[in-house]
Amino acid sequence: MRGALIGCLVVAALLVGLAIGRASDRDETVVTAQVSSAEHETEEGYFSLGPDATVLAKPGTELHRFLARQNGRKVRVTLTLVGGQELSRLER
């Protein structure tokens, strides 16, 4: 019984290690932060994401509407590296 428990813990530790190693290989980062913006800042499109980041969203866009709705709430932001060919393409 004890051997089976140790075996399960070793397998779980290996899976966690593989997941962490795989996450570090990707060119991305995930940030969880609280959105905050004063009324006049919201109108202009300025939003703070915690103490480390500020986002400027063009008023009237989908991103602007999303951040305005989430004011005062925590959000998770994923930043991912995009290949060079996709940088010149406008995604709608």
PDB file of N, CA and C in Angstrom:
ATOM      1  N   MET A   1       0.827  -1.187   0.000  1.00  0.00           N
ATOM      2  CA  MET A   1       0.000   0.000   0.000  1.00  0.00           C
ATOM      3  C   MET A   1       0.879   1.262   0.000  1.00  0.00           C
ATOM      4  N   ARG A   2       1.882   1.239   0.854  1.00  0.00           N
ATOM      5  CA  ARG A   2       2.766   2.399   0.942  1.00  0.00           C
ATOM      6  C   ARG A   2       3.571   2.576  -0.347  1.00  0.00           C
ATOM      7  N   GLY A   3       3.992   1.470  -0.946  1.00  0.00           N
ATOM      8  CA  GLY A   3       4.737   1.503  -2.198  1.00  0.00           C
ATOM      9  C   GLY A   3       3.905   2.087  -3.332  1.00  0.00           C
ATOM     10  N   ALA A   4       2.621   1.734  -3.363  1.00  0.00           N
ATOM     11  CA  ALA A   4       1.728   2.268  -4.395  1.00  0.00           C
ATOM     12  C   ALA A   4       1.558   3.776  -4.229  1.00  0.00           C
ATOM     13  N   LEU A   5       1.460   4.227  -2.995  1.00  0.00           N
ATOM     14  CA  LEU A   5       1.321   5.654  -2.724  1.00  0.00           C
ATOM     15  C   LEU A   5       2.572   6.410  -3.159  1.00  0.00           C
ATOM     16  N   ILE A   6       3.734   5.862  -2.853  1.00  0.00           N
ATOM     17  CA  ILE A   6       4.999   6.489  -3.262  1.00  0.00           C
ATOM     18  C   ILE A   6       5.100   6.501  -4.789  1.00  0.00           C
ATOM     19  N   GLY A   7       4.697   5.420  -5.426  1.00  0.00           N
ATOM     20  CA  GLY A   7       4.712   5.350  -6.884  1.00  0.00           C
ATOM     21  C   GLY A   7       3.818   6.403  -7.514  1.00  0.00           C
ATOM     22  N   CYS A   8       2.622   6.577  -6.954  1.00  0.00           N
ATOM     23  CA  CYS A   8       1.694   7.606  -7.457  1.00  0.00           C
ATOM     24  C   CYS A   8       2.276   9.005  -7.277  1.00  0.00           C
ATOM     25  N   LEU A   9       2.913   9.258  -6.150  1.00  0.00           N
ATOM     26  CA  LEU A   9       3.518  10.567  -5.911  1.00  0.00           C
ATOM     27  C   LEU A   9       4.668  10.839  -6.874  1.00  0.00           C
ATOM     28  N   VAL A  10       5.462   9.811  -7.173  1.00  0.00           N
ATOM     29  CA  VAL A  10       6.573   9.970  -8.122  1.00  0.00           C
ATOM     30  C   VAL A  10       6.023  10.284  -9.513  1.00  0.00           C
ATOM     31  N   VAL A  11       4.984   9.571  -9.937  1.00  0.00           N
ATOM     32  CA  VAL A  11       4.378   9.820 -11.244  1.00  0.00           C
ATOM     33  C   VAL A  11       3.794  11.232 -11.296  1.00  0.00           C
ATOM     34  N   ALA A  12       3.111  11.650 -10.252  1.00  0.00           N
ATOM     35  CA  ALA A  12       2.540  13.002 -10.211  1.00  0.00           C
ATOM     36  C   ALA A  12       3.642  14.056 -10.290  1.00  0.00           C
ATOM     37  N   ALA A  13       4.742  13.846  -9.567  1.00  0.00           N
ATOM     38  CA  ALA A  13       5.855  14.799  -9.602  1.00  0.00           C
ATOM     39  C   ALA A  13       6.469  14.874 -10.997  1.00  0.00           C
ATOM     40  N   LEU A  14       6.595  13.746 -11.673  1.00  0.00           N
ATOM     41  CA  LEU A  14       7.118  13.737 -13.037  1.00  0.00           C
ATOM     42  C   LEU A  14       6.206  14.493 -13.993  1.00  0.00           C
ATOM     43  N   LEU A  15       4.898  14.291 -13.862  1.00  0.00           N
ATOM     44  CA  LEU A  15       3.945  14.998 -14.727  1.00  0.00           C
ATOM     45  C   LEU A  15       3.986  16.502 -14.490  1.00  0.00           C
ATOM     46  N   VAL A  16       4.086  16.913 -13.248  1.00  0.00           N
ATOM     47  CA  VAL A  16       4.183  18.348 -12.938  1.00  0.00           C
ATOM     48  C   VAL A  16       5.480  18.913 -13.510  1.00  0.00           C
ATOM     49  N   GLY A  17       6.561  18.189 -13.368  1.00  0.00           N
ATOM     50  CA  GLY A  17       7.846  18.633 -13.914  1.00  0.00           C
ATOM     51  C   GLY A  17       7.808  18.774 -15.422  1.00  0.00           C
ATOM     52  N   LEU A  18       7.182  17.826 -16.102  1.00  0.00           N
ATOM     53  CA  LEU A  18       7.053  17.913 -17.556  1.00  0.00           C
ATOM     54  C   LEU A  18       6.193  19.103 -17.963  1.00  0.00           C
ATOM     55  N   ALA A  19       5.107  19.347 -17.242  1.00  0.00           N
ATOM     56  CA  ALA A  19       4.231  20.475 -17.562  1.00  0.00           C
ATOM     57  C   ALA A  19       4.954  21.802 -17.373  1.00  0.00           C
ATOM     58  N   ILE A  20       5.730  21.923 -16.317  1.00  0.00           N
ATOM     59  CA  ILE A  20       6.480  23.153 -16.068  1.00  0.00           C
ATOM     60  C   ILE A  20       7.548  23.337 -17.145  1.00  0.00           C
ATOM     61  N   GLY A  21       8.241  22.270 -17.494  1.00  0.00           N
ATOM     62  CA  GLY A  21       9.257  22.351 -18.537  1.00  0.00           C
ATOM     63  C   GLY A  21       8.669  22.732 -19.883  1.00  0.00           C
ATOM     64  N   ARG A  22       7.506  22.205 -20.203  1.00  0.00           N
ATOM     65  CA  ARG A  22       6.862  22.521 -21.474  1.00  0.00           C
ATOM     66  C   ARG A  22       6.391  23.970 -21.486  1.00  0.00           C
ATOM     67  N   ALA A  23       5.871  24.462 -20.382  1.00  0.00           N
ATOM     68  CA  ALA A  23       5.404  25.849 -20.314  1.00  0.00           C
ATOM     69  C   ALA A  23       6.558  26.822 -20.482  1.00  0.00           C
ATOM     70  N   SER A  24       7.730  26.472 -19.970  1.00  0.00           N
ATOM     71  CA  SER A  24       8.864  27.386 -20.088  1.00  0.00           C
ATOM     72  C   SER A  24       9.431  27.408 -21.503  1.00  0.00           C
ATOM     73  N   ASP A  25       9.168  26.375 -22.297  1.00  0.00           N
ATOM     74  CA  ASP A  25       9.629  26.337 -23.686  1.00  0.00           C
ATOM     75  C   ASP A  25       8.850  27.283 -24.588  1.00  0.00           C
ATOM     76  N   ARG A  26       7.598  27.524 -24.275  1.00  0.00           N
ATOM     77  CA  ARG A  26       6.767  28.369 -25.121  1.00  0.00           C
ATOM     78  C   ARG A  26       7.133  29.828 -24.928  1.00  0.00           C
ATOM     79  N   ASP A  27       6.975  30.601 -25.994  1.00  0.00           N
ATOM     80  CA  ASP A  27       7.234  32.036 -25.926  1.00  0.00           C
ATOM     81  C   ASP A  27       5.962  32.753 -25.512  1.00  0.00           C
ATOM     82  N   GLU A  28       5.592  32.576 -24.264  1.00  0.00           N
ATOM     83  CA  GLU A  28       4.396  33.243 -23.761  1.00  0.00           C
ATOM     84  C   GLU A  28       4.509  33.443 -22.265  1.00  0.00           C
ATOM     85  N   THR A  29       3.680  34.351 -21.779  1.00  0.00           N
ATOM     86  CA  THR A  29       3.588  34.565 -20.347  1.00  0.00           C
ATOM     87  C   THR A  29       2.132  34.842 -20.005  1.00  0.00           C
ATOM     88  N   VAL A  30       1.739  34.485 -18.815  1.00  0.00           N
ATOM     89  CA  VAL A  30       0.371  34.697 -18.352  1.00  0.00           C
ATOM     90  C   VAL A  30       0.432  35.586 -17.118  1.00  0.00           C
ATOM     91  N   VAL A  31      -0.363  36.647 -17.127  1.00  0.00           N
ATOM     92  CA  VAL A  31      -0.398  37.593 -16.016  1.00  0.00           C
ATOM     93  C   VAL A  31      -1.832  37.672 -15.502  1.00  0.00           C
ATOM     94  N   THR A  32      -2.013  37.546 -14.206  1.00  0.00           N
ATOM     95  CA  THR A  32      -3.318  37.762 -13.593  1.00  0.00           C
ATOM     96  C   THR A  32      -3.230  39.057 -12.806  1.00  0.00           C
ATOM     97  N   ALA A  33      -4.083  40.019 -13.159  1.00  0.00           N
ATOM     98  CA  ALA A  33      -4.003  41.341 -12.531  1.00  0.00           C
ATOM     99  C   ALA A  33      -5.382  41.965 -12.452  1.00  0.00           C
ATOM    100  N   GLN A  34      -5.516  42.911 -11.535  1.00  0.00           N
ATOM    101  CA  GLN A  34      -6.775  43.637 -11.392  1.00  0.00           C
ATOM    102  C   GLN A  34      -6.781  44.831 -12.336  1.00  0.00           C
ATOM    103  N   VAL A  35      -7.878  44.963 -13.084  1.00  0.00           N
ATOM    104  CA  VAL A  35      -8.046  46.096 -13.999  1.00  0.00           C
ATOM    105  C   VAL A  35      -8.531  47.282 -13.186  1.00  0.00           C
ATOM    106  N   SER A  36      -7.879  48.435 -13.380  1.00  0.00           N
ATOM    107  CA  SER A  36      -8.347  49.643 -12.707  1.00  0.00           C
ATOM    108  C   SER A  36      -8.195  50.829 -13.641  1.00  0.00           C
ATOM    109  N   SER A  37      -9.182  51.710 -13.584  1.00  0.00           N
ATOM    110  CA  SER A  37      -9.179  52.872 -14.445  1.00  0.00           C
ATOM    111  C   SER A  37     -10.181  53.881 -13.899  1.00  0.00           C
ATOM    112  N   ALA A  38      -9.757  55.141 -13.768  1.00  0.00           N
ATOM    113  CA  ALA A  38     -10.682  56.202 -13.374  1.00  0.00           C
ATOM    114  C   ALA A  38     -11.613  56.482 -14.559  1.00  0.00           C
ATOM    115  N   GLU A  39     -12.714  57.143 -14.310  1.00  0.00           N
ATOM    116  CA  GLU A  39     -13.705  57.383 -15.369  1.00  0.00           C
ATOM    117  C   GLU A  39     -13.092  58.104 -16.567  1.00  0.00           C
ATOM    118  N   HIS A  40     -12.314  59.162 -16.318  1.00  0.00           N
ATOM    119  CA  HIS A  40     -11.724  59.900 -17.438  1.00  0.00           C
ATOM    120  C   HIS A  40     -10.671  59.067 -18.157  1.00  0.00           C
ATOM    121  N   GLU A  41      -9.981  58.179 -17.438  1.00  0.00           N
ATOM    122  CA  GLU A  41      -9.009  57.292 -18.069  1.00  0.00           C
ATOM    123  C   GLU A  41      -9.719  56.262 -18.956  1.00  0.00           C
ATOM    124  N   THR A  42     -10.854  55.754 -18.480  1.00  0.00           N
ATOM    125  CA  THR A  42     -11.630  54.807 -19.281  1.00  0.00           C
ATOM    126  C   THR A  42     -12.067  55.439 -20.587  1.00  0.00           C
ATOM    127  N   GLU A  43     -12.540  56.676 -20.527  1.00  0.00           N
ATOM    128  CA  GLU A  43     -12.975  57.376 -21.741  1.00  0.00           C
ATOM    129  C   GLU A  43     -11.826  57.527 -22.736  1.00  0.00           C
ATOM    130  N   GLU A  44     -10.615  57.734 -22.227  1.00  0.00           N
ATOM    131  CA  GLU A  44      -9.441  57.901 -23.087  1.00  0.00           C
ATOM    132  C   GLU A  44      -8.808  56.572 -23.489  1.00  0.00           C
ATOM    133  N   GLY A  45      -9.178  55.465 -22.786  1.00  0.00           N
ATOM    134  CA  GLY A  45      -8.670  54.142 -23.139  1.00  0.00           C
ATOM    135  C   GLY A  45      -7.492  53.659 -22.328  1.00  0.00           C
ATOM    136  N   TYR A  46      -7.194  54.297 -21.195  1.00  0.00           N
ATOM    137  CA  TYR A  46      -6.067  53.880 -20.348  1.00  0.00           C
ATOM    138  C   TYR A  46      -6.560  52.967 -19.232  1.00  0.00           C
ATOM    139  N   PHE A  47      -5.938  51.790 -19.112  1.00  0.00           N
ATOM    140  CA  PHE A  47      -6.308  50.828 -18.075  1.00  0.00           C
ATOM    141  C   PHE A  47      -5.033  50.309 -17.418  1.00  0.00           C
ATOM    142  N   SER A  48      -5.024  50.271 -16.084  1.00  0.00           N
ATOM    143  CA  SER A  48      -3.901  49.688 -15.348  1.00  0.00           C
ATOM    144  C   SER A  48      -4.205  48.226 -15.094  1.00  0.00           C
ATOM    145  N   LEU A  49      -3.207  47.390 -15.317  1.00  0.00           N
ATOM    146  CA  LEU A  49      -3.318  45.966 -15.000  1.00  0.00           C
ATOM    147  C   LEU A  49      -2.361  45.696 -13.851  1.00  0.00           C
ATOM    148  N   GLY A  50      -2.871  45.884 -12.652  1.00  0.00           N
ATOM    149  CA  GLY A  50      -2.032  45.731 -11.470  1.00  0.00           C
ATOM    150  C   GLY A  50      -0.987  46.828 -11.421  1.00  0.00           C
ATOM    151  N   PRO A  51       0.055  46.639 -10.618  1.00  0.00           N
ATOM    152  CA  PRO A  51       1.078  47.677 -10.473  1.00  0.00           C
ATOM    153  C   PRO A  51       2.131  47.677 -11.586  1.00  0.00           C
ATOM    154  N   ASP A  52       2.103  46.658 -12.464  1.00  0.00           N
ATOM    155  CA  ASP A  52       3.202  46.485 -13.419  1.00  0.00           C
ATOM    156  C   ASP A  52       2.891  46.856 -14.865  1.00  0.00           C
ATOM    157  N   ALA A  53       1.635  47.034 -15.235  1.00  0.00           N
ATOM    158  CA  ALA A  53       1.330  47.241 -16.656  1.00  0.00           C
ATOM    159  C   ALA A  53       0.193  48.229 -16.854  1.00  0.00           C
ATOM    160  N   THR A  54       0.287  48.964 -17.952  1.00  0.00           N
ATOM    161  CA  THR A  54      -0.781  49.851 -18.385  1.00  0.00           C
ATOM    162  C   THR A  54      -1.090  49.517 -19.832  1.00  0.00           C
ATOM    163  N   VAL A  55      -2.367  49.418 -20.148  1.00  0.00           N
ATOM    164  CA  VAL A  55      -2.796  49.096 -21.498  1.00  0.00           C
ATOM    165  C   VAL A  55      -3.553  50.288 -22.056  1.00  0.00           C
ATOM    166  N   LEU A  56      -3.272  50.616 -23.297  1.00  0.00           N
ATOM    167  CA  LEU A  56      -4.002  51.667 -24.005  1.00  0.00           C
ATOM    168  C   LEU A  56      -4.837  50.974 -25.064  1.00  0.00           C
ATOM    169  N   ALA A  57      -6.157  51.095 -24.955  1.00  0.00           N
ATOM    170  CA  ALA A  57      -7.079  50.476 -25.908  1.00  0.00           C
ATOM    171  C   ALA A  57      -7.856  51.576 -26.615  1.00  0.00           C
ATOM    172  N   LYS A  58      -7.927  51.488 -27.921  1.00  0.00           N
ATOM    173  CA  LYS A  58      -8.635  52.491 -28.709  1.00  0.00           C
ATOM    174  C   LYS A  58     -10.114  52.476 -28.328  1.00  0.00           C
ATOM    175  N   PRO A  59     -10.665  53.633 -27.898  1.00  0.00           N
ATOM    176  CA  PRO A  59     -12.082  53.685 -27.527  1.00  0.00           C
ATOM    177  C   PRO A  59     -12.978  53.195 -28.667  1.00  0.00           C
ATOM    178  N   GLY A  60     -13.978  52.401 -28.292  1.00  0.00           N
ATOM    179  CA  GLY A  60     -14.916  51.861 -29.264  1.00  0.00           C
ATOM    180  C   GLY A  60     -14.567  50.469 -29.756  1.00  0.00           C
ATOM    181  N   THR A  61     -13.352  50.001 -29.467  1.00  0.00           N
ATOM    182  CA  THR A  61     -12.952  48.667 -29.906  1.00  0.00           C
ATOM    183  C   THR A  61     -13.454  47.607 -28.931  1.00  0.00           C
ATOM    184  N   GLU A  62     -13.390  46.357 -29.377  1.00  0.00           N
ATOM    185  CA  GLU A  62     -13.816  45.248 -28.537  1.00  0.00           C
ATOM    186  C   GLU A  62     -12.964  45.161 -27.271  1.00  0.00           C
ATOM    187  N   LEU A  63     -11.649  45.371 -27.392  1.00  0.00           N
ATOM    188  CA  LEU A  63     -10.765  45.348 -26.233  1.00  0.00           C
ATOM    189  C   LEU A  63     -11.136  46.445 -25.239  1.00  0.00           C
ATOM    190  N   HIS A  64     -11.421  47.635 -25.730  1.00  0.00           N
ATOM    191  CA  HIS A  64     -11.805  48.748 -24.861  1.00  0.00           C
ATOM    192  C   HIS A  64     -13.093  48.419 -24.103  1.00  0.00           C
ATOM    193  N   ARG A  65     -14.077  47.892 -24.805  1.00  0.00           N
ATOM    194  CA  ARG A  65     -15.350  47.548 -24.144  1.00  0.00           C
ATOM    195  C   ARG A  65     -15.138  46.468 -23.091  1.00  0.00           C
ATOM    196  N   PHE A  66     -14.299  45.470 -23.409  1.00  0.00           N
ATOM    197  CA  PHE A  66     -14.021  44.394 -22.458  1.00  0.00           C
ATOM    198  C   PHE A  66     -13.368  44.940 -21.195  1.00  0.00           C
ATOM    199  N   LEU A  67     -12.309  45.745 -21.354  1.00  0.00           N
ATOM    200  CA  LEU A  67     -11.600  46.284 -20.191  1.00  0.00           C
ATOM    201  C   LEU A  67     -12.490  47.214 -19.374  1.00  0.00           C
ATOM    202  N   ALA A  68     -13.342  47.990 -20.031  1.00  0.00           N
ATOM    203  CA  ALA A  68     -14.258  48.879 -19.308  1.00  0.00           C
ATOM    204  C   ALA A  68     -15.244  48.059 -18.463  1.00  0.00           C
ATOM    205  N   ARG A  69     -15.716  46.938 -19.007  1.00  0.00           N
ATOM    206  CA  ARG A  69     -16.645  46.074 -18.251  1.00  0.00           C
ATOM    207  C   ARG A  69     -15.952  45.400 -17.071  1.00  0.00           C
ATOM    208  N   GLN A  70     -14.645  45.131 -17.198  1.00  0.00           N
ATOM    209  CA  GLN A  70     -13.914  44.405 -16.160  1.00  0.00           C
ATOM    210  C   GLN A  70     -13.266  45.319 -15.123  1.00  0.00           C
ATOM    211  N   ASN A  71     -13.516  46.617 -15.188  1.00  0.00           N
ATOM    212  CA  ASN A  71     -12.915  47.561 -14.256  1.00  0.00           C
ATOM    213  C   ASN A  71     -13.193  47.140 -12.814  1.00  0.00           C
ATOM    214  N   GLY A  72     -12.130  46.974 -12.032  1.00  0.00           N
ATOM    215  CA  GLY A  72     -12.261  46.553 -10.635  1.00  0.00           C
ATOM    216  C   GLY A  72     -12.190  45.048 -10.445  1.00  0.00           C
ATOM    217  N   ARG A  73     -12.154  44.287 -11.521  1.00  0.00           N
ATOM    218  CA  ARG A  73     -12.094  42.824 -11.441  1.00  0.00           C
ATOM    219  C   ARG A  73     -10.714  42.327 -11.846  1.00  0.00           C
ATOM    220  N   LYS A  74     -10.431  41.085 -11.475  1.00  0.00           N
ATOM    221  CA  LYS A  74      -9.177  40.456 -11.881  1.00  0.00           C
ATOM    222  C   LYS A  74      -9.386  39.769 -13.223  1.00  0.00           C
ATOM    223  N   VAL A  75      -8.384  39.886 -14.096  1.00  0.00           N
ATOM    224  CA  VAL A  75      -8.409  39.227 -15.398  1.00  0.00           C
ATOM    225  C   VAL A  75      -7.097  38.483 -15.601  1.00  0.00           C
ATOM    226  N   ARG A  76      -7.117  37.515 -16.486  1.00  0.00           N
ATOM    227  CA  ARG A  76      -5.906  36.788 -16.853  1.00  0.00           C
ATOM    228  C   ARG A  76      -5.563  37.187 -18.283  1.00  0.00           C
ATOM    229  N   VAL A  77      -4.352  37.671 -18.486  1.00  0.00           N
ATOM    230  CA  VAL A  77      -3.882  38.112 -19.790  1.00  0.00           C
ATOM    231  C   VAL A  77      -2.762  37.172 -20.225  1.00  0.00           C
ATOM    232  N   THR A  78      -2.872  36.648 -21.446  1.00  0.00           N
ATOM    233  CA  THR A  78      -1.841  35.787 -22.010  1.00  0.00           C
ATOM    234  C   THR A  78      -1.166  36.523 -23.152  1.00  0.00           C
ATOM    235  N   LEU A  79       0.147  36.679 -23.043  1.00  0.00           N
ATOM    236  CA  LEU A  79       0.933  37.314 -24.097  1.00  0.00           C
ATOM    237  C   LEU A  79       1.738  36.231 -24.788  1.00  0.00           C
ATOM    238  N   THR A  80       1.585  36.145 -26.116  1.00  0.00           N
ATOM    239  CA  THR A  80       2.220  35.102 -26.899  1.00  0.00           C
ATOM    240  C   THR A  80       3.010  35.716 -28.036  1.00  0.00           C
ATOM    241  N   LEU A  81       4.185  35.187 -28.289  1.00  0.00           N
ATOM    242  CA  LEU A  81       4.997  35.634 -29.400  1.00  0.00           C
ATOM    243  C   LEU A  81       4.326  35.223 -30.706  1.00  0.00           C
ATOM    244  N   VAL A  82       4.259  36.158 -31.649  1.00  0.00           N
ATOM    245  CA  VAL A  82       3.661  35.906 -32.951  1.00  0.00           C
ATOM    246  C   VAL A  82       4.779  35.874 -33.985  1.00  0.00           C
ATOM    247  N   GLY A  83       4.696  34.939 -34.943  1.00  0.00           N
ATOM    248  CA  GLY A  83       5.709  34.836 -35.994  1.00  0.00           C
ATOM    249  C   GLY A  83       5.776  36.108 -36.821  1.00  0.00           C
ATOM    250  N   GLY A  84       6.936  36.371 -37.429  1.00  0.00           N
ATOM    251  CA  GLY A  84       7.180  37.586 -38.194  1.00  0.00           C
ATOM    252  C   GLY A  84       6.190  37.824 -39.310  1.00  0.00           C
ATOM    253  N   GLN A  85       5.710  36.761 -39.984  1.00  0.00           N
ATOM    254  CA  GLN A  85       4.781  36.945 -41.089  1.00  0.00           C
ATOM    255  C   GLN A  85       3.436  37.468 -40.614  1.00  0.00           C
ATOM    256  N   GLU A  86       3.051  37.169 -39.412  1.00  0.00           N
ATOM    257  CA  GLU A  86       1.749  37.588 -38.918  1.00  0.00           C
ATOM    258  C   GLU A  86       1.749  39.017 -38.387  1.00  0.00           C
ATOM    259  N   LEU A  87       2.914  39.614 -38.181  1.00  0.00           N
ATOM    260  CA  LEU A  87       2.963  40.956 -37.621  1.00  0.00           C
ATOM    261  C   LEU A  87       2.347  41.993 -38.551  1.00  0.00           C
ATOM    262  N   SER A  88       2.423  41.778 -39.852  1.00  0.00           N
ATOM    263  CA  SER A  88       1.920  42.772 -40.794  1.00  0.00           C
ATOM    264  C   SER A  88       0.452  42.563 -41.132  1.00  0.00           C
ATOM    265  N   ARG A  89      -0.155  41.528 -40.606  1.00  0.00           N
ATOM    266  CA  ARG A  89      -1.553  41.237 -40.905  1.00  0.00           C
ATOM    267  C   ARG A  89      -2.469  41.837 -39.858  1.00  0.00           C
ATOM    268  N   LEU A  90      -3.554  42.443 -40.290  1.00  0.00           N
ATOM    269  CA  LEU A  90      -4.538  42.992 -39.370  1.00  0.00           C
ATOM    270  C   LEU A  90      -5.565  41.912 -39.074  1.00  0.00           C
ATOM    271  N   GLU A  91      -5.688  41.541 -37.807  1.00  0.00           N
ATOM    272  CA  GLU A  91      -6.656  40.513 -37.410  1.00  0.00           C
ATOM    273  C   GLU A  91      -7.901  41.187 -36.880  1.00  0.00           C
ATOM    274  N   ARG A  92      -9.021  40.783 -37.400  1.00  0.00           N
ATOM    275  CA  ARG A  92     -10.308  41.358 -36.964  1.00  0.00           C
ATOM    276  C   ARG A  92     -11.095  40.355 -36.180  1.00  0.00           C
TER     277      ARG A  92
END
